[in-house]
PDB file of N, CA and C in Angstrom:
ATOM      1  N   MET A   1      18.325 204.488  83.719  1.00  0.00           N
ATOM      2  CA  MET A   1      17.992 204.222  82.333  1.00  0.00           C
ATOM      3  C   MET A   1      16.477 204.096  82.205  1.00  0.00           C
ATOM      4  N   VAL A   2      15.969 204.683  81.149  1.00  0.00           N
ATOM      5  CA  VAL A   2      14.548 204.614  80.854  1.00  0.00           C
ATOM      6  C   VAL A   2      14.399 203.979  79.478  1.00  0.00           C
ATOM      7  N   LYS A   3      13.569 202.943  79.400  1.00  0.00           N
ATOM      8  CA  LYS A   3      13.344 202.260  78.131  1.00  0.00           C
ATOM      9  C   LYS A   3      11.935 202.545  77.659  1.00  0.00           C
ATOM     10  N   ALA A   4      11.781 202.570  76.327  1.00  0.00           N
ATOM     11  CA  ALA A   4      10.460 202.798  75.749  1.00  0.00           C
ATOM     12  C   ALA A   4      10.371 202.081  74.407  1.00  0.00           C
ATOM     13  N   VAL A   5       9.137 201.843  74.002  1.00  0.00           N
ATOM     14  CA  VAL A   5       8.840 201.258  72.706  1.00  0.00           C
ATOM     15  C   VAL A   5       8.076 202.318  71.930  1.00  0.00           C
ATOM     16  N   VAL A   6       8.522 202.594  70.705  1.00  0.00           N
ATOM     17  CA  VAL A   6       7.819 203.552  69.858  1.00  0.00           C
ATOM     18  C   VAL A   6       7.222 202.781  68.691  1.00  0.00           C
ATOM     19  N   LEU A   7       5.895 202.818  68.607  1.00  0.00           N
ATOM     20  CA  LEU A   7       5.186 202.180  67.506  1.00  0.00           C
ATOM     21  C   LEU A   7       5.087 203.198  66.381  1.00  0.00           C
ATOM     22  N   VAL A   8       5.420 202.790  65.158  1.00  0.00           N
ATOM     23  CA  VAL A   8       5.502 203.728  64.038  1.00  0.00           C
ATOM     24  C   VAL A   8       4.603 203.277  62.902  1.00  0.00           C
ATOM     25  N   LYS A   9       3.775 204.204  62.417  1.00  0.00           N
ATOM     26  CA  LYS A   9       2.924 203.972  61.253  1.00  0.00           C
ATOM     27  C   LYS A   9       3.576 204.674  60.074  1.00  0.00           C
ATOM     28  N   SER A  10       3.940 203.912  59.050  1.00  0.00           N
ATOM     29  CA  SER A  10       4.584 204.469  57.866  1.00  0.00           C
ATOM     30  C   SER A  10       4.470 203.484  56.716  1.00  0.00           C
ATOM     31  N   PRO A  11       4.047 203.951  55.538  1.00  0.00           N
ATOM     32  CA  PRO A  11       3.964 203.056  54.387  1.00  0.00           C
ATOM     33  C   PRO A  11       5.330 202.745  53.772  1.00  0.00           C
ATOM     34  N   LYS A  12       6.379 203.414  54.234  1.00  0.00           N
ATOM     35  CA  LYS A  12       7.718 203.199  53.687  1.00  0.00           C
ATOM     36  C   LYS A  12       8.230 201.818  54.059  1.00  0.00           C
ATOM     37  N   LYS A  13       8.734 201.087  53.088  1.00  0.00           N
ATOM     38  CA  LYS A  13       9.204 199.713  53.309  1.00  0.00           C
ATOM     39  C   LYS A  13      10.436 199.649  54.205  1.00  0.00           C
ATOM     40  N   LEU A  14      11.312 200.623  54.110  1.00  0.00           N
ATOM     41  CA  LEU A  14      12.580 200.569  54.843  1.00  0.00           C
ATOM     42  C   LEU A  14      12.571 201.424  56.104  1.00  0.00           C
ATOM     43  N   ILE A  15      11.403 201.691  56.649  1.00  0.00           N
ATOM     44  CA  ILE A  15      11.327 202.575  57.812  1.00  0.00           C
ATOM     45  C   ILE A  15      12.086 202.003  59.013  1.00  0.00           C
ATOM     46  N   ALA A  16      12.082 200.696  59.191  1.00  0.00           N
ATOM     47  CA  ALA A  16      12.789 200.107  60.337  1.00  0.00           C
ATOM     48  C   ALA A  16      14.285 200.385  60.259  1.00  0.00           C
ATOM     49  N   ALA A  17      14.847 200.339  59.059  1.00  0.00           N
ATOM     50  CA  ALA A  17      16.273 200.638  58.890  1.00  0.00           C
ATOM     51  C   ALA A  17      16.553 202.110  59.188  1.00  0.00           C
ATOM     52  N   ARG A  18      15.668 202.984  58.791  1.00  0.00           N
ATOM     53  CA  ARG A  18      15.841 204.413  59.082  1.00  0.00           C
ATOM     54  C   ARG A  18      15.763 204.685  60.578  1.00  0.00           C
ATOM     55  N   LEU A  19      14.904 203.963  61.264  1.00  0.00           N
ATOM     56  CA  LEU A  19      14.754 204.165  62.703  1.00  0.00           C
ATOM     57  C   LEU A  19      16.048 203.839  63.445  1.00  0.00           C
ATOM     58  N   ARG A  20      16.795 202.867  62.955  1.00  0.00           N
ATOM     59  CA  ARG A  20      18.048 202.468  63.625  1.00  0.00           C
ATOM     60  C   ARG A  20      19.088 203.578  63.611  1.00  0.00           C
ATOM     61  N   ARG A  21      18.948 204.552  62.721  1.00  0.00           N
ATOM     62  CA  ARG A  21      19.914 205.651  62.638  1.00  0.00           C
ATOM     63  C   ARG A  21      19.658 206.742  63.675  1.00  0.00           C
ATOM     64  N   VAL A  22      18.521 206.673  64.356  1.00  0.00           N
ATOM     65  CA  VAL A  22      18.177 207.688  65.357  1.00  0.00           C
ATOM     66  C   VAL A  22      18.936 207.385  66.642  1.00  0.00           C
ATOM     67  N   LYS A  23      19.532 208.431  67.208  1.00  0.00           N
ATOM     68  CA  LYS A  23      20.283 208.278  68.451  1.00  0.00           C
ATOM     69  C   LYS A  23      19.369 207.724  69.537  1.00  0.00           C
ATOM     70  N   TYR A  24      19.860 206.802  70.312  1.00  0.00           N
ATOM     71  CA  TYR A  24      19.185 206.117  71.418  1.00  0.00           C
ATOM     72  C   TYR A  24      18.270 204.975  70.970  1.00  0.00           C
ATOM     73  N   VAL A  25      18.090 204.771  69.665  1.00  0.00           N
ATOM     74  CA  VAL A  25      17.336 203.606  69.194  1.00  0.00           C
ATOM     75  C   VAL A  25      18.323 202.452  69.139  1.00  0.00           C
ATOM     76  N   TYR A  26      18.100 201.423  69.962  1.00  0.00           N
ATOM     77  CA  TYR A  26      19.048 200.302  69.971  1.00  0.00           C
ATOM     78  C   TYR A  26      18.566 199.119  69.142  1.00  0.00           C
ATOM     79  N   ASP A  27      17.308 199.144  68.711  1.00  0.00           N
ATOM     80  CA  ASP A  27      16.810 198.103  67.802  1.00  0.00           C
ATOM     81  C   ASP A  27      15.526 198.597  67.170  1.00  0.00           C
ATOM     82  N   SER A  28      15.248 198.126  65.973  1.00  0.00           N
ATOM     83  CA  SER A  28      13.981 198.413  65.314  1.00  0.00           C
ATOM     84  C   SER A  28      13.704 197.296  64.331  1.00  0.00           C
ATOM     85  N   PHE A  29      12.432 197.076  64.088  1.00  0.00           N
ATOM     86  CA  PHE A  29      12.053 196.008  63.170  1.00  0.00           C
ATOM     87  C   PHE A  29      10.641 196.243  62.660  1.00  0.00           C
ATOM     88  N   ALA A  30      10.358 195.677  61.490  1.00  0.00           N
ATOM     89  CA  ALA A  30       9.035 195.770  60.887  1.00  0.00           C
ATOM     90  C   ALA A  30       8.089 194.814  61.601  1.00  0.00           C
ATOM     91  N   VAL A  31       6.820 195.195  61.664  1.00  0.00           N
ATOM     92  CA  VAL A  31       5.785 194.350  62.272  1.00  0.00           C
ATOM     93  C   VAL A  31       4.535 194.398  61.396  1.00  0.00           C
ATOM     94  N   SER A  32       3.653 193.444  61.630  1.00  0.00           N
ATOM     95  CA  SER A  32       2.369 193.469  60.940  1.00  0.00           C
ATOM     96  C   SER A  32       1.321 193.984  61.915  1.00  0.00           C
ATOM     97  N   GLY A  33       0.227 194.483  61.388  1.00  0.00           N
ATOM     98  CA  GLY A  33      -0.840 194.979  62.238  1.00  0.00           C
ATOM     99  C   GLY A  33      -1.083 196.451  62.025  1.00  0.00           C
ATOM    100  N   GLN A  34      -1.582 197.108  63.034  1.00  0.00           N
ATOM    101  CA  GLN A  34      -1.942 198.521  62.942  1.00  0.00           C
ATOM    102  C   GLN A  34      -0.729 199.418  62.695  1.00  0.00           C
ATOM    103  N   PHE A  35       0.431 199.033  63.215  1.00  0.00           N
ATOM    104  CA  PHE A  35       1.661 199.793  63.012  1.00  0.00           C
ATOM    105  C   PHE A  35       2.582 199.013  62.088  1.00  0.00           C
ATOM    106  N   ASP A  36       3.564 199.703  61.524  1.00  0.00           N
ATOM    107  CA  ASP A  36       4.450 199.089  60.532  1.00  0.00           C
ATOM    108  C   ASP A  36       5.843 198.771  61.065  1.00  0.00           C
ATOM    109  N   ALA A  37       6.240 199.444  62.129  1.00  0.00           N
ATOM    110  CA  ALA A  37       7.579 199.210  62.689  1.00  0.00           C
ATOM    111  C   ALA A  37       7.573 199.548  64.171  1.00  0.00           C
ATOM    112  N   ILE A  38       8.564 199.006  64.854  1.00  0.00           N
ATOM    113  CA  ILE A  38       8.769 199.282  66.274  1.00  0.00           C
ATOM    114  C   ILE A  38      10.214 199.717  66.466  1.00  0.00           C
ATOM    115  N   ALA A  39      10.389 200.777  67.263  1.00  0.00           N
ATOM    116  CA  ALA A  39      11.726 201.225  67.644  1.00  0.00           C
ATOM    117  C   ALA A  39      11.861 201.052  69.144  1.00  0.00           C
ATOM    118  N   LEU A  40      12.938 200.428  69.583  1.00  0.00           N
ATOM    119  CA  LEU A  40      13.229 200.261  71.004  1.00  0.00           C
ATOM    120  C   LEU A  40      14.257 201.311  71.386  1.00  0.00           C
ATOM    121  N   ILE A  41      13.937 202.116  72.395  1.00  0.00           N
ATOM    122  CA  ILE A  41      14.856 203.181  72.780  1.00  0.00           C
ATOM    123  C   ILE A  41      15.265 203.025  74.238  1.00  0.00           C
ATOM    124  N   ASP A  42      16.451 203.544  74.534  1.00  0.00           N
ATOM    125  CA  ASP A  42      17.023 203.496  75.871  1.00  0.00           C
ATOM    126  C   ASP A  42      17.711 204.839  76.108  1.00  0.00           C
ATOM    127  N   VAL A  43      17.174 205.623  77.044  1.00  0.00           N
ATOM    128  CA  VAL A  43      17.719 206.947  77.344  1.00  0.00           C
ATOM    129  C   VAL A  43      18.073 207.033  78.826  1.00  0.00           C
ATOM    130  N   ASN A  44      18.781 208.081  79.182  1.00  0.00           N
ATOM    131  CA  ASN A  44      19.176 208.264  80.575  1.00  0.00           C
ATOM    132  C   ASN A  44      18.073 208.906  81.419  1.00  0.00           C
ATOM    133  N   GLU A  45      17.333 209.844  80.829  1.00  0.00           N
ATOM    134  CA  GLU A  45      16.310 210.590  81.540  1.00  0.00           C
ATOM    135  C   GLU A  45      14.976 210.494  80.809  1.00  0.00           C
ATOM    136  N   LEU A  46      13.905 210.479  81.558  1.00  0.00           N
ATOM    137  CA  LEU A  46      12.564 210.408  80.976  1.00  0.00           C
ATOM    138  C   LEU A  46      12.316 211.532  79.971  1.00  0.00           C
ATOM    139  N   SER A  47      12.827 212.721  80.253  1.00  0.00           N
ATOM    140  CA  SER A  47      12.602 213.871  79.373  1.00  0.00           C
ATOM    141  C   SER A  47      13.226 213.692  77.984  1.00  0.00           C
ATOM    142  N   GLU A  48      14.222 212.818  77.853  1.00  0.00           N
ATOM    143  CA  GLU A  48      14.869 212.591  76.558  1.00  0.00           C
ATOM    144  C   GLU A  48      13.986 211.810  75.584  1.00  0.00           C
ATOM    145  N   ILE A  49      12.994 211.120  76.108  1.00  0.00           N
ATOM    146  CA  ILE A  49      12.107 210.345  75.240  1.00  0.00           C
ATOM    147  C   ILE A  49      11.409 211.262  74.239  1.00  0.00           C
ATOM    148  N   LYS A  50      11.000 212.438  74.684  1.00  0.00           N
ATOM    149  CA  LYS A  50      10.327 213.384  73.782  1.00  0.00           C
ATOM    150  C   LYS A  50      11.232 213.768  72.620  1.00  0.00           C
ATOM    151  N   ASP A  51      12.511 213.989  72.890  1.00  0.00           N
ATOM    152  CA  ASP A  51      13.451 214.354  71.826  1.00  0.00           C
ATOM    153  C   ASP A  51      13.580 213.238  70.795  1.00  0.00           C
ATOM    154  N   VAL A  52      13.646 212.008  71.264  1.00  0.00           N
ATOM    155  CA  VAL A  52      13.784 210.863  70.368  1.00  0.00           C
ATOM    156  C   VAL A  52      12.518 210.692  69.534  1.00  0.00           C
ATOM    157  N   THR A  53      11.360 210.776  70.168  1.00  0.00           N
ATOM    158  CA  THR A  53      10.119 210.601  69.415  1.00  0.00           C
ATOM    159  C   THR A  53       9.903 211.730  68.416  1.00  0.00           C
ATOM    160  N   THR A  54      10.309 212.933  68.758  1.00  0.00           N
ATOM    161  CA  THR A  54      10.204 214.050  67.813  1.00  0.00           C
ATOM    162  C   THR A  54      11.086 213.798  66.601  1.00  0.00           C
ATOM    163  N   GLU A  55      12.288 213.291  66.814  1.00  0.00           N
ATOM    164  CA  GLU A  55      13.172 212.967  65.697  1.00  0.00           C
ATOM    165  C   GLU A  55      12.564 211.877  64.812  1.00  0.00           C
ATOM    166  N   ILE A  56      11.960 210.872  65.431  1.00  0.00           N
ATOM    167  CA  ILE A  56      11.309 209.809  64.662  1.00  0.00           C
ATOM    168  C   ILE A  56      10.139 210.379  63.864  1.00  0.00           C
ATOM    169  N   GLN A  57       9.346 211.248  64.468  1.00  0.00           N
ATOM    170  CA  GLN A  57       8.194 211.839  63.784  1.00  0.00           C
ATOM    171  C   GLN A  57       8.613 212.713  62.606  1.00  0.00           C
ATOM    172  N   ASN A  58       9.819 213.223  62.633  1.00  0.00           N
ATOM    173  CA  ASN A  58      10.311 214.068  61.545  1.00  0.00           C
ATOM    174  C   ASN A  58      10.900 213.287  60.376  1.00  0.00           C
ATOM    175  N   ILE A  59      10.987 211.964  60.490  1.00  0.00           N
ATOM    176  CA  ILE A  59      11.469 211.146  59.379  1.00  0.00           C
ATOM    177  C   ILE A  59      10.408 211.162  58.284  1.00  0.00           C
ATOM    178  N   ARG A  60      10.850 211.389  57.064  1.00  0.00           N
ATOM    179  CA  ARG A  60       9.923 211.438  55.934  1.00  0.00           C
ATOM    180  C   ARG A  60       9.161 210.116  55.831  1.00  0.00           C
ATOM    181  N   GLY A  61       7.852 210.212  55.725  1.00  0.00           N
ATOM    182  CA  GLY A  61       7.018 209.037  55.577  1.00  0.00           C
ATOM    183  C   GLY A  61       6.368 208.551  56.866  1.00  0.00           C
ATOM    184  N   VAL A  62       6.820 209.049  58.007  1.00  0.00           N
ATOM    185  CA  VAL A  62       6.200 208.646  59.274  1.00  0.00           C
ATOM    186  C   VAL A  62       4.870 209.384  59.405  1.00  0.00           C
ATOM    187  N   GLU A  63       3.799 208.623  59.510  1.00  0.00           N
ATOM    188  CA  GLU A  63       2.464 209.204  59.604  1.00  0.00           C
ATOM    189  C   GLU A  63       2.068 209.481  61.048  1.00  0.00           C
ATOM    190  N   ARG A  64       2.397 208.553  61.949  1.00  0.00           N
ATOM    191  CA  ARG A  64       2.096 208.765  63.359  1.00  0.00           C
ATOM    192  C   ARG A  64       2.909 207.792  64.197  1.00  0.00           C
ATOM    193  N   THR A  65       2.995 208.109  65.485  1.00  0.00           N
ATOM    194  CA  THR A  65       3.707 207.244  66.425  1.00  0.00           C
ATOM    195  C   THR A  65       2.891 207.109  67.700  1.00  0.00           C
ATOM    196  N   GLU A  66       3.208 206.076  68.425  1.00  0.00           N
ATOM    197  CA  GLU A  66       2.658 205.898  69.771  1.00  0.00           C
ATOM    198  C   GLU A  66       3.799 205.392  70.644  1.00  0.00           C
ATOM    199  N   THR A  67       3.986 206.008  71.786  1.00  0.00           N
ATOM    200  CA  THR A  67       5.113 205.680  72.649  1.00  0.00           C
ATOM    201  C   THR A  67       4.628 205.001  73.925  1.00  0.00           C
ATOM    202  N   LEU A  68       5.286 203.890  74.249  1.00  0.00           N
ATOM    203  CA  LEU A  68       4.990 203.136  75.459  1.00  0.00           C
ATOM    204  C   LEU A  68       6.246 203.137  76.322  1.00  0.00           C
ATOM    205  N   VAL A  69       6.153 203.731  77.507  1.00  0.00           N
ATOM    206  CA  VAL A  69       7.309 203.844  78.400  1.00  0.00           C
ATOM    207  C   VAL A  69       7.278 202.708  79.405  1.00  0.00           C
ATOM    208  N   GLN A  70       8.425 202.083  79.594  1.00  0.00           N
ATOM    209  CA  GLN A  70       8.526 200.977  80.558  1.00  0.00           C
ATOM    210  C   GLN A  70       8.303 201.510  81.967  1.00  0.00           C
ATOM    211  N   VAL A  71       7.491 200.799  82.727  1.00  0.00           N
ATOM    212  CA  VAL A  71       7.214 201.157  84.105  1.00  0.00           C
ATOM    213  C   VAL A  71       7.862 200.117  85.002  1.00  0.00           C
ATOM    214  N   VAL A  72       8.722 200.568  85.920  1.00  0.00           N
ATOM    215  CA  VAL A  72       9.387 199.643  86.838  1.00  0.00           C
ATOM    216  C   VAL A  72       9.144 200.045  88.269  1.00  0.00           C
TER     217      VAL A  72
END
């Protein structure tokens, strides 16, 4: 299992709820600061992270993302 945190910049108020609909996102919530929401993802293979982040980037209103992969 590979876990990652995706930081999302979006002016949309309900972006955290939209993030929860993405496959492999097991939690998301709004935050204050430079980013507006965080999505927590859990995939089987490292290569799947790109697919998840691409899906998040394609959500209407998402301006940019930054992905942090857990290192163990």
